[in-house]
């Protein structure tokens, strides 16, 4: 038995307020709308222009350090809490929402090199130039003092990085070697070495929890498995990598920030070639951090700019800069996917919107729907020349503009030379892709 029922949704014909316009039913039959594409193109053009008009990414700065900022740490349970370490050994906890300092600690003698959180013990671990690993409580319990370390471990060498396992009471440090530590022990439970005098930028994989990676001073990227007794794999690039970050959504993907102005995204199952080369920076890339969605990442460079990349694209979708911002030392993407933080050597921490034209505050349903429709229209007509030109246009500092032009000229000259050599040689050399040129060797 078939029953036909008339359904009327009040949202289709009732107004939200008395001053709102009356909703008119529309027939979506394409035969009745012969000029739909030109109208949509005009709307897309207006939408992309408005997107650039409302692009105001800078929110504010956190001013209070007396020396350059070296590292940032995001609290896993409090979205508005941000830790920062400086060159003079100071550790500060900020309330980003109120833009004020919650407390300050003289954590180390010398640089605070890195920090990491342990969700199991609700603690923050820091390492510095004084060869110490210090544990700090992040929340006050039973009258505990947040300004005094809970535990201090003296190590045999200077440490440059630290990372904590996602679920086990294990942390990894890097310096002269990669060492694994347990909370209850003052000596490392395991040490990995593979022909390199120093390591930096160590990170645990957040999905494959037993895997970790570090950047070596011999231009290598080394993968470790904490269940094994020796390192697993190693790939050597043409220049040194400064930092590394795992994709939080794709277990095998990680991105490294390199001295050759580029970033390289690798699949750890196949290190012979990077799966993507991310360009646009005009100086060494210092730090990289993924968004919680794993679709984008933010980078900081010595060219005094921040760039935001789509993880699957080679060129940045946005560039942030200010007149007073100097060389970037660290970057972080907030855990609610809305903000980006950066620290630089002129003692400031800056807060930016992850999407430059996004409205902050309450967004009504109709407004939210209009934003989504405009975004889809821009995506639909993204390859039309006028829309593409407006969407990609950015004003950049003079030194970045000049450096970009110089790099393009040198790259064009190199390509021209390679083409001429191949054309006029009796036995032309094989064509080598950009991805292959950066890899020197791979070891297992």
Protein backbone atom coordinates (compact mmCIF):
# COMPACT_ATOMS: atom_id res chain seq x y z
CA UNK A 1 0.00 0.00 0.00
CA UNK A 2 1.46 3.38 -1.04
CA UNK A 3 0.53 6.51 0.89
CA UNK A 4 1.36 10.02 -0.35
CA UNK A 5 1.75 12.65 2.37
CA UNK A 6 2.05 16.41 2.05
CA UNK A 7 4.92 17.73 4.16
CA UNK A 8 5.32 21.41 4.95
CA UNK A 9 8.42 22.50 6.85
CA UNK A 10 7.77 25.85 8.59
CA UNK A 11 11.40 26.86 7.99
CA UNK A 12 10.64 27.01 4.26
CA UNK A 13 8.03 29.75 4.47
CA UNK A 14 8.13 31.42 7.92
CA UNK A 15 10.27 34.48 8.63
CA UNK A 16 12.83 34.53 11.46
CA UNK A 17 11.73 38.03 12.55
CA UNK A 18 8.96 40.46 11.65
CA UNK A 19 11.41 42.66 9.78
CA UNK A 20 12.73 39.79 7.69
CA UNK A 21 11.78 39.36 4.03
CA UNK A 22 9.16 36.81 3.03
CA UNK A 23 10.59 33.55 1.73
CA UNK A 24 9.56 32.77 -1.82
CA UNK A 25 9.40 29.14 -2.98
CA UNK A 26 11.71 28.41 -5.88
CA UNK A 27 11.60 25.78 -8.62
CA UNK A 28 15.12 24.39 -9.10
CA UNK A 29 14.46 22.99 -12.57
CA UNK A 30 17.51 24.10 -14.65
CA UNK A 31 15.32 24.57 -17.71
CA UNK A 32 13.59 27.48 -15.95
CA UNK A 33 16.90 29.22 -15.16
CA UNK A 34 18.83 29.64 -18.42
CA UNK A 35 21.08 32.45 -17.06
CA UNK A 36 21.97 30.75 -13.77
CA UNK A 37 25.71 30.38 -14.51
CA UNK A 38 26.33 34.07 -15.36
CA UNK A 39 24.43 35.11 -12.24
CA UNK A 40 26.43 32.68 -10.09
CA UNK A 41 29.69 33.93 -11.62
CA UNK A 42 28.77 37.51 -10.69
CA UNK A 43 27.92 36.41 -7.16
CA UNK A 44 31.22 34.51 -6.91
CA UNK A 45 33.12 37.59 -8.10
CA UNK A 46 31.40 39.75 -5.47
CA UNK A 47 32.02 37.10 -2.80
CA UNK A 48 35.76 36.85 -3.48
CA UNK A 49 36.05 40.66 -3.47
CA UNK A 50 34.25 40.87 -0.12
CA UNK A 51 36.50 38.11 1.23
CA UNK A 52 39.54 40.28 0.54
CA UNK A 53 37.81 43.40 1.92
CA UNK A 54 37.09 41.67 5.26
CA UNK A 55 40.50 39.95 5.47
CA UNK A 56 41.77 41.32 8.79
CA UNK A 57 43.77 38.41 10.25
CA UNK A 58 45.72 40.15 13.04
CA UNK A 59 43.95 39.99 16.40
CA UNK A 60 46.53 41.11 18.95
CA UNK A 61 49.87 40.47 20.63
CA UNK A 62 51.02 39.14 23.99
CA UNK A 63 53.77 41.42 25.23
CA UNK A 64 55.76 40.60 28.36
CA UNK A 65 58.89 38.63 27.53
CA UNK A 66 62.25 40.33 27.97
CA UNK A 67 64.04 38.17 25.39
CA UNK A 68 63.24 36.35 22.15
CA UNK A 69 60.51 33.67 22.27
CA UNK A 70 61.88 30.19 21.48
CA UNK A 71 58.94 27.77 21.87
CA UNK A 72 55.17 27.62 22.37
CA UNK A 73 53.00 25.01 24.07
CA UNK A 74 49.23 24.50 23.81
CA UNK A 75 47.38 23.18 26.84
CA UNK A 76 45.34 20.11 25.77
CA UNK A 77 42.40 20.84 28.12
CA UNK A 78 42.21 24.67 28.17
CA UNK A 79 41.81 26.26 24.76
CA UNK A 80 42.74 29.73 25.97
CA UNK A 81 45.93 28.70 27.78
CA UNK A 82 49.24 29.14 25.98
CA UNK A 83 52.72 28.48 27.36
CA UNK A 84 55.78 30.24 26.00
CA UNK A 85 59.49 29.83 26.66
CA UNK A 86 62.14 32.48 26.02
CA UNK A 87 65.89 32.79 25.45
CA UNK A 88 66.44 34.02 29.02
CA UNK A 89 64.91 30.85 30.52
CA UNK A 90 61.54 32.38 31.42
CA UNK A 91 58.39 30.28 31.12
CA UNK A 92 55.07 32.16 30.95
CA UNK A 93 51.47 30.98 31.01
CA UNK A 94 49.08 33.23 29.09
CA UNK A 95 45.32 33.52 29.09
CA UNK A 96 44.88 34.27 25.39
CA UNK A 97 41.19 35.24 25.72
CA UNK A 98 42.02 37.97 28.27
CA UNK A 99 45.51 38.60 26.84
CA UNK A 100 47.18 38.61 30.22
CA UNK A 101 49.94 36.66 32.00
CA UNK A 102 48.69 34.10 34.52
CA UNK A 103 52.11 33.34 35.99
CA UNK A 104 55.83 33.55 35.18
CA UNK A 105 58.59 31.11 36.16
CA UNK A 106 62.37 31.22 35.77
CA UNK A 107 62.44 27.70 34.37
CA UNK A 108 66.01 27.26 33.07
CA UNK A 109 69.43 28.89 32.94
CA UNK A 110 69.73 29.77 29.27
CA UNK A 111 67.30 28.98 26.46
CA UNK A 112 64.05 27.09 27.00
CA UNK A 113 64.46 24.77 24.02
CA UNK A 114 61.17 22.84 23.95
CA UNK A 115 58.13 21.81 25.96
CA UNK A 116 55.52 19.06 25.87
CA UNK A 117 52.38 18.06 27.80
CA UNK A 118 51.52 14.82 29.55
CA UNK A 119 47.77 14.31 29.69
CA UNK A 120 48.24 11.36 32.04
CA UNK A 121 49.86 13.42 34.82
CA UNK A 122 48.47 16.86 33.78
CA UNK A 123 52.06 18.10 33.69
CA UNK A 124 54.26 20.22 31.45
CA UNK A 125 57.81 19.06 30.71
CA UNK A 126 60.49 21.51 29.59
CA UNK A 127 64.13 21.17 28.51
CA UNK A 128 66.81 23.84 28.29
CA UNK A 129 70.48 24.58 27.81
CA UNK A 130 71.21 23.70 31.46
CA UNK A 131 70.88 19.93 30.70
CA UNK A 132 67.75 19.66 32.87
CA UNK A 133 64.33 18.12 32.27
CA UNK A 134 61.79 19.82 34.52
CA UNK A 135 58.23 18.78 35.29
CA UNK A 136 55.66 21.47 36.13
CA UNK A 137 52.10 21.14 37.35
CA UNK A 138 49.62 22.86 35.04
CA UNK A 139 46.71 23.05 37.50
CA UNK A 140 46.77 23.93 41.18
CA UNK A 141 45.74 20.98 43.35
CA UNK A 142 45.89 20.69 47.16
CA UNK A 143 47.71 23.98 47.50
CA UNK A 144 50.55 22.94 45.16
CA UNK A 145 52.84 25.69 43.88
CA UNK A 146 52.75 26.10 40.11
CA UNK A 147 55.99 28.10 40.17
CA UNK A 148 58.12 25.28 41.60
CA UNK A 149 59.06 22.22 39.52
CA UNK A 150 57.56 18.92 40.63
CA UNK A 151 60.58 16.95 39.44
CA UNK A 152 63.99 17.73 37.95
CA UNK A 153 66.22 15.30 36.04
CA UNK A 154 69.86 16.04 35.24
CA UNK A 155 71.00 14.61 31.90
CA UNK A 156 74.48 13.96 30.54
CA UNK A 157 74.20 16.34 27.58
CA UNK A 158 72.37 19.42 26.38
CA UNK A 159 68.84 18.74 25.12
CA UNK A 160 67.21 20.44 22.14
CA UNK A 161 63.77 18.82 21.99
CA UNK A 162 61.20 16.83 23.94
CA UNK A 163 57.96 15.02 23.08
CA UNK A 164 55.53 12.94 25.15
CA UNK A 165 53.79 9.68 24.25
CA UNK A 166 50.07 10.09 23.76
CA UNK A 167 48.91 7.43 26.26
CA UNK A 168 51.95 5.92 28.05
CA UNK A 169 54.14 7.54 30.76
CA UNK A 170 57.04 7.79 28.31
CA UNK A 171 58.73 10.83 26.83
CA UNK A 172 61.48 11.21 24.25
CA UNK A 173 64.28 13.77 24.24
CA UNK A 174 66.84 14.63 21.62
CA UNK A 175 70.27 16.21 21.75
CA UNK A 176 73.38 14.14 21.24
CA UNK A 177 71.08 11.11 20.83
CA UNK A 178 67.42 10.13 21.03
CA UNK A 179 66.55 8.94 24.54
CA UNK A 180 63.35 7.48 26.01
CA UNK A 181 62.44 8.28 29.62
CA UNK A 182 59.84 7.07 32.11
CA UNK A 183 58.35 9.46 34.66
CA UNK A 184 59.59 7.44 37.62
CA UNK A 185 63.22 7.04 36.49
CA UNK A 186 66.15 9.46 36.44
CA UNK A 187 68.00 7.52 33.73
CA UNK A 188 66.83 6.89 30.14
CA UNK A 189 65.29 3.47 29.54
CA UNK A 190 66.54 3.37 25.95
CA UNK A 191 68.93 5.36 23.76
CA UNK A 192 69.05 5.41 19.96
CA UNK A 193 72.06 6.52 17.93
CA UNK A 194 72.68 6.50 14.18
CA UNK A 195 75.84 8.34 13.14
CA UNK A 196 74.80 11.90 13.94
CA UNK A 197 76.27 14.29 16.52
CA UNK A 198 73.06 16.15 17.38
CA UNK A 199 69.29 15.98 16.84
CA UNK A 200 66.51 18.54 17.09
CA UNK A 201 62.76 18.75 16.58
CA UNK A 202 61.66 15.35 17.92
CA UNK A 203 57.95 14.43 17.70
CA UNK A 204 55.84 11.41 18.66
CA UNK A 205 53.26 10.26 16.14
CA UNK A 206 49.78 10.92 17.55
CA UNK A 207 48.14 8.01 15.67
CA UNK A 208 50.84 5.35 15.44
CA UNK A 209 51.84 6.07 19.02
CA UNK A 210 55.08 4.05 19.11
CA UNK A 211 56.63 5.88 16.15
CA UNK A 212 58.67 9.04 16.56
CA UNK A 213 60.87 11.11 14.25
CA UNK A 214 63.66 13.64 14.63
CA UNK A 215 65.75 15.95 12.45
CA UNK A 216 69.52 15.45 12.48
CA UNK A 217 72.34 17.95 12.08
CA UNK A 218 73.73 15.84 9.20
CA UNK A 219 70.66 16.88 7.12
CA UNK A 220 68.87 13.62 7.93
CA UNK A 221 65.37 12.73 9.08
CA UNK A 222 65.39 9.64 11.31
CA UNK A 223 62.41 7.45 12.21
CA UNK A 224 62.38 5.47 15.47
CA UNK A 225 60.12 2.76 16.87
CA UNK A 226 60.20 2.71 20.67
CA UNK A 227 59.58 -1.08 20.59
CA UNK A 228 62.82 -1.65 18.65
CA UNK A 229 66.41 -1.43 19.85
CA UNK A 230 67.73 0.51 16.83
CA UNK A 231 66.40 3.32 14.60
CA UNK A 232 64.14 2.17 11.78
CA UNK A 233 64.79 4.37 8.74
CA UNK A 234 66.72 7.43 7.71
CA UNK A 235 66.60 9.78 4.73
CA UNK A 236 69.24 12.44 4.00
CA UNK A 237 68.23 15.68 2.26
CA UNK A 238 70.40 18.29 0.55
CA UNK A 239 70.00 20.76 3.41
CA UNK A 240 69.19 20.53 7.12
CA UNK A 241 65.65 20.34 8.48
CA UNK A 242 64.74 22.59 11.42
CA UNK A 243 61.43 21.20 12.59
CA UNK A 244 59.01 18.35 12.02
CA UNK A 245 55.28 17.81 12.58
CA UNK A 246 53.05 14.74 12.12
CA UNK A 247 49.64 15.01 10.51
CA UNK A 248 47.15 14.39 13.38
CA UNK A 249 44.64 12.70 11.04
CA UNK A 250 46.84 10.67 8.68
CA UNK A 251 49.12 8.30 10.56
CA UNK A 252 51.89 8.04 7.96
CA UNK A 253 52.24 11.68 6.89
CA UNK A 254 54.68 14.22 8.31
CA UNK A 255 56.04 17.57 7.13
CA UNK A 256 59.53 18.98 7.71
CA UNK A 257 60.64 22.63 7.60
CA UNK A 258 63.92 22.93 5.72
CA UNK A 259 66.80 25.39 5.40
CA UNK A 260 66.36 25.53 1.59
CA UNK A 261 63.24 27.74 1.99
CA UNK A 262 60.87 24.81 1.30
CA UNK A 263 58.80 22.30 3.27
CA UNK A 264 58.61 18.63 2.38
CA UNK A 265 55.73 16.29 3.13
CA UNK A 266 56.72 12.62 3.40
CA UNK A 267 54.93 9.31 3.68
CA UNK A 268 56.97 7.34 6.24
CA UNK A 269 56.27 4.08 4.36
CA UNK A 270 58.07 5.43 1.28
CA UNK A 271 60.82 7.90 2.12
CA UNK A 272 62.53 7.69 -1.25
CA UNK A 273 60.59 10.72 -2.48
CA UNK A 274 58.55 13.44 -0.75
CA UNK A 275 54.90 13.35 -1.73
CA UNK A 276 54.78 17.15 -1.92
CA UNK A 277 57.12 20.15 -1.96
CA UNK A 278 55.69 23.32 -0.41
CA UNK A 279 57.24 26.54 -1.73
CA UNK A 280 56.81 30.33 -1.34
CA UNK A 281 59.11 31.21 1.58
CA UNK A 282 62.18 33.29 0.72
CA UNK A 283 64.35 32.27 3.68
CA UNK A 284 64.92 29.28 5.99
CA UNK A 285 61.71 27.78 7.40
CA UNK A 286 62.05 27.45 11.18
CA UNK A 287 58.86 25.83 12.46
CA UNK A 288 55.73 24.04 11.25
CA UNK A 289 52.51 23.00 13.00
CA UNK A 290 49.41 21.19 11.69
CA UNK A 291 45.83 22.22 12.28
CA UNK A 292 43.68 19.78 14.32
CA UNK A 293 41.86 18.77 11.12
CA UNK A 294 45.10 17.75 9.40
CA UNK A 295 44.08 19.63 6.25
CA UNK A 296 46.34 22.66 6.71
CA UNK A 297 49.52 23.70 8.46
CA UNK A 298 51.18 26.96 9.47
CA UNK A 299 54.86 27.82 9.04
CA UNK A 300 57.20 30.49 10.38
CA UNK A 301 60.33 31.61 8.57
CA UNK A 302 63.38 33.85 8.82
CA UNK A 303 61.82 35.98 6.06
CA UNK A 304 59.62 37.51 8.83
CA UNK A 305 56.37 36.05 7.52
CA UNK A 306 53.87 33.35 8.45
CA UNK A 307 52.35 31.26 5.69
CA UNK A 308 49.36 28.93 5.79
CA UNK A 309 49.36 25.95 3.42
CA UNK A 310 46.79 23.46 2.31
CA UNK A 311 48.43 20.11 3.08
CA UNK A 312 47.87 18.87 -0.50
CA UNK A 313 48.95 22.01 -2.35
CA UNK A 314 52.43 23.27 -3.17
CA UNK A 315 51.84 26.99 -2.65
CA UNK A 316 50.55 28.87 0.38
CA UNK A 317 46.95 30.02 0.55
CA UNK A 318 47.76 33.01 2.78
CA UNK A 319 50.65 35.07 4.13
CA UNK A 320 50.66 37.09 7.37
CA UNK A 321 53.15 39.81 8.27
CA UNK A 322 53.45 43.04 10.23
CA UNK A 323 55.92 45.90 10.04
CA UNK A 324 57.43 45.21 13.47
CA UNK A 325 57.51 41.40 13.35
CA UNK A 326 61.05 40.07 13.00
CA UNK A 327 62.40 36.59 12.38
CA UNK A 328 59.94 33.86 13.40
CA UNK A 329 61.13 31.25 15.88
CA UNK A 330 57.98 29.20 16.58
CA UNK A 331 54.40 28.75 15.39
CA UNK A 332 51.33 26.95 16.73
CA UNK A 333 47.77 26.26 15.54
CA UNK A 334 45.09 26.47 18.24
CA UNK A 335 43.21 23.30 19.14
CA UNK A 336 39.83 24.80 18.19
CA UNK A 337 41.11 25.35 14.60
CA UNK A 338 40.34 29.09 14.67
CA UNK A 339 43.60 30.81 15.59
CA UNK A 340 47.30 30.77 14.83
CA UNK A 341 50.06 31.83 17.25
CA UNK A 342 53.61 32.84 16.43
CA UNK A 343 56.64 33.82 18.47
CA UNK A 344 59.52 35.90 17.15
CA UNK A 345 62.89 37.14 18.30
CA UNK A 346 61.62 40.65 19.08
CA UNK A 347 59.93 39.25 22.25
CA UNK A 348 56.32 39.23 21.03
CA UNK A 349 53.71 36.51 20.64
CA UNK A 350 51.09 37.37 18.03
CA UNK A 351 47.58 36.00 17.60
CA UNK A 352 46.07 35.63 14.11
CA UNK A 353 42.87 34.28 12.65
CA UNK A 354 43.35 30.97 10.85
CA UNK A 355 40.99 32.23 8.13
CA UNK A 356 41.61 35.91 7.55
CA UNK A 357 38.05 36.98 6.64
CA UNK A 358 36.24 34.83 9.22
CA UNK A 359 33.90 36.72 11.53
CA UNK A 360 34.57 36.39 15.25
CA UNK A 361 31.64 36.18 17.63
CA UNK A 362 28.09 34.93 17.23
CA UNK A 363 27.04 34.06 13.67
CA UNK A 364 23.32 33.74 12.98
CA UNK A 365 22.04 30.76 10.95
CA UNK A 366 21.21 32.83 7.85
CA UNK A 367 24.60 34.54 7.95
CA UNK A 368 26.36 31.21 8.37
CA UNK A 369 24.46 29.78 5.40
CA UNK A 370 25.36 32.82 3.27
CA UNK A 371 29.06 32.35 4.11
CA UNK A 372 28.89 28.68 3.14
CA UNK A 373 27.13 29.48 -0.15
CA UNK A 374 29.74 32.13 -1.00
CA UNK A 375 32.55 29.71 -0.21
CA UNK A 376 31.04 27.11 -2.55
CA UNK A 377 30.59 29.68 -5.31
CA UNK A 378 34.23 30.74 -5.01
CA UNK A 379 35.29 27.10 -5.11
CA UNK A 380 33.13 26.46 -8.18
CA UNK A 381 34.64 29.37 -10.15
CA UNK A 382 38.12 29.20 -8.60
CA UNK A 383 39.86 28.65 -11.94
CA UNK A 384 38.31 31.63 -13.73
CA UNK A 385 41.08 34.19 -14.31
CA UNK A 386 39.43 37.19 -12.63
CA UNK A 387 38.41 35.28 -9.51
CA UNK A 388 41.75 33.46 -9.32
CA UNK A 389 43.67 36.75 -9.56
CA UNK A 390 41.64 38.43 -6.80
CA UNK A 391 41.78 35.37 -4.53
CA UNK A 392 45.57 34.99 -4.78
CA UNK A 393 46.55 38.66 -4.65
CA UNK A 394 48.51 39.63 -1.52
CA UNK A 395 50.51 42.67 -0.52
CA UNK A 396 53.89 41.47 0.78
CA UNK A 397 56.85 43.32 2.33
CA UNK A 398 59.37 44.79 -0.09
CA UNK A 399 62.17 42.43 0.94
CA UNK A 400 59.91 39.40 0.34
CA UNK A 401 58.79 40.73 -3.06
CA UNK A 402 62.38 41.36 -4.18
CA UNK A 403 63.63 38.00 -2.87
CA UNK A 404 60.78 36.19 -4.66
CA UNK A 405 61.66 37.89 -7.97
CA UNK A 406 65.33 37.02 -7.53
CA UNK A 407 64.51 33.38 -6.76
CA UNK A 408 62.25 33.12 -9.83
CA UNK A 409 65.01 34.52 -12.06
CA UNK A 410 67.59 32.06 -10.73
CA UNK A 411 65.18 29.12 -11.09
CA UNK A 412 64.32 30.12 -14.66
CA UNK A 413 68.04 30.42 -15.49
CA UNK A 414 68.72 26.95 -14.05
CA UNK A 415 65.84 25.44 -16.06
CA UNK A 416 67.06 27.19 -19.22
CA UNK A 417 70.58 25.88 -18.71
CA UNK A 418 69.34 22.35 -18.06
CA UNK A 419 67.17 22.47 -21.20
CA UNK A 420 70.09 23.71 -23.34
CA UNK A 421 72.44 21.04 -22.01
CA UNK A 422 69.89 18.33 -22.67
CA UNK A 423 69.10 19.68 -26.16
CA UNK A 424 72.71 19.94 -27.33
CA UNK A 425 74.12 16.76 -25.78
CA UNK A 426 74.64 13.60 -27.80
CA UNK A 427 73.56 11.51 -24.84
CA UNK A 428 71.07 13.65 -22.96
CA UNK A 429 70.77 13.09 -19.23
CA UNK A 430 67.45 11.81 -17.86
CA UNK A 431 64.95 14.34 -16.58
CA UNK A 432 65.12 14.60 -12.78
CA UNK A 433 62.03 15.88 -10.97
CA UNK A 434 62.15 18.53 -8.23
CA UNK A 435 61.18 15.88 -5.67
CA UNK A 436 64.10 13.64 -6.62
CA UNK A 437 66.67 16.46 -6.54
CA UNK A 438 66.23 17.10 -2.83
CA UNK A 439 66.94 13.50 -1.70
CA UNK A 440 70.60 12.54 -1.27
CA UNK A 441 70.22 9.00 0.11
CA UNK A 442 67.93 6.65 2.02
CA UNK A 443 69.00 4.09 4.64
CA UNK A 444 67.14 1.26 6.33
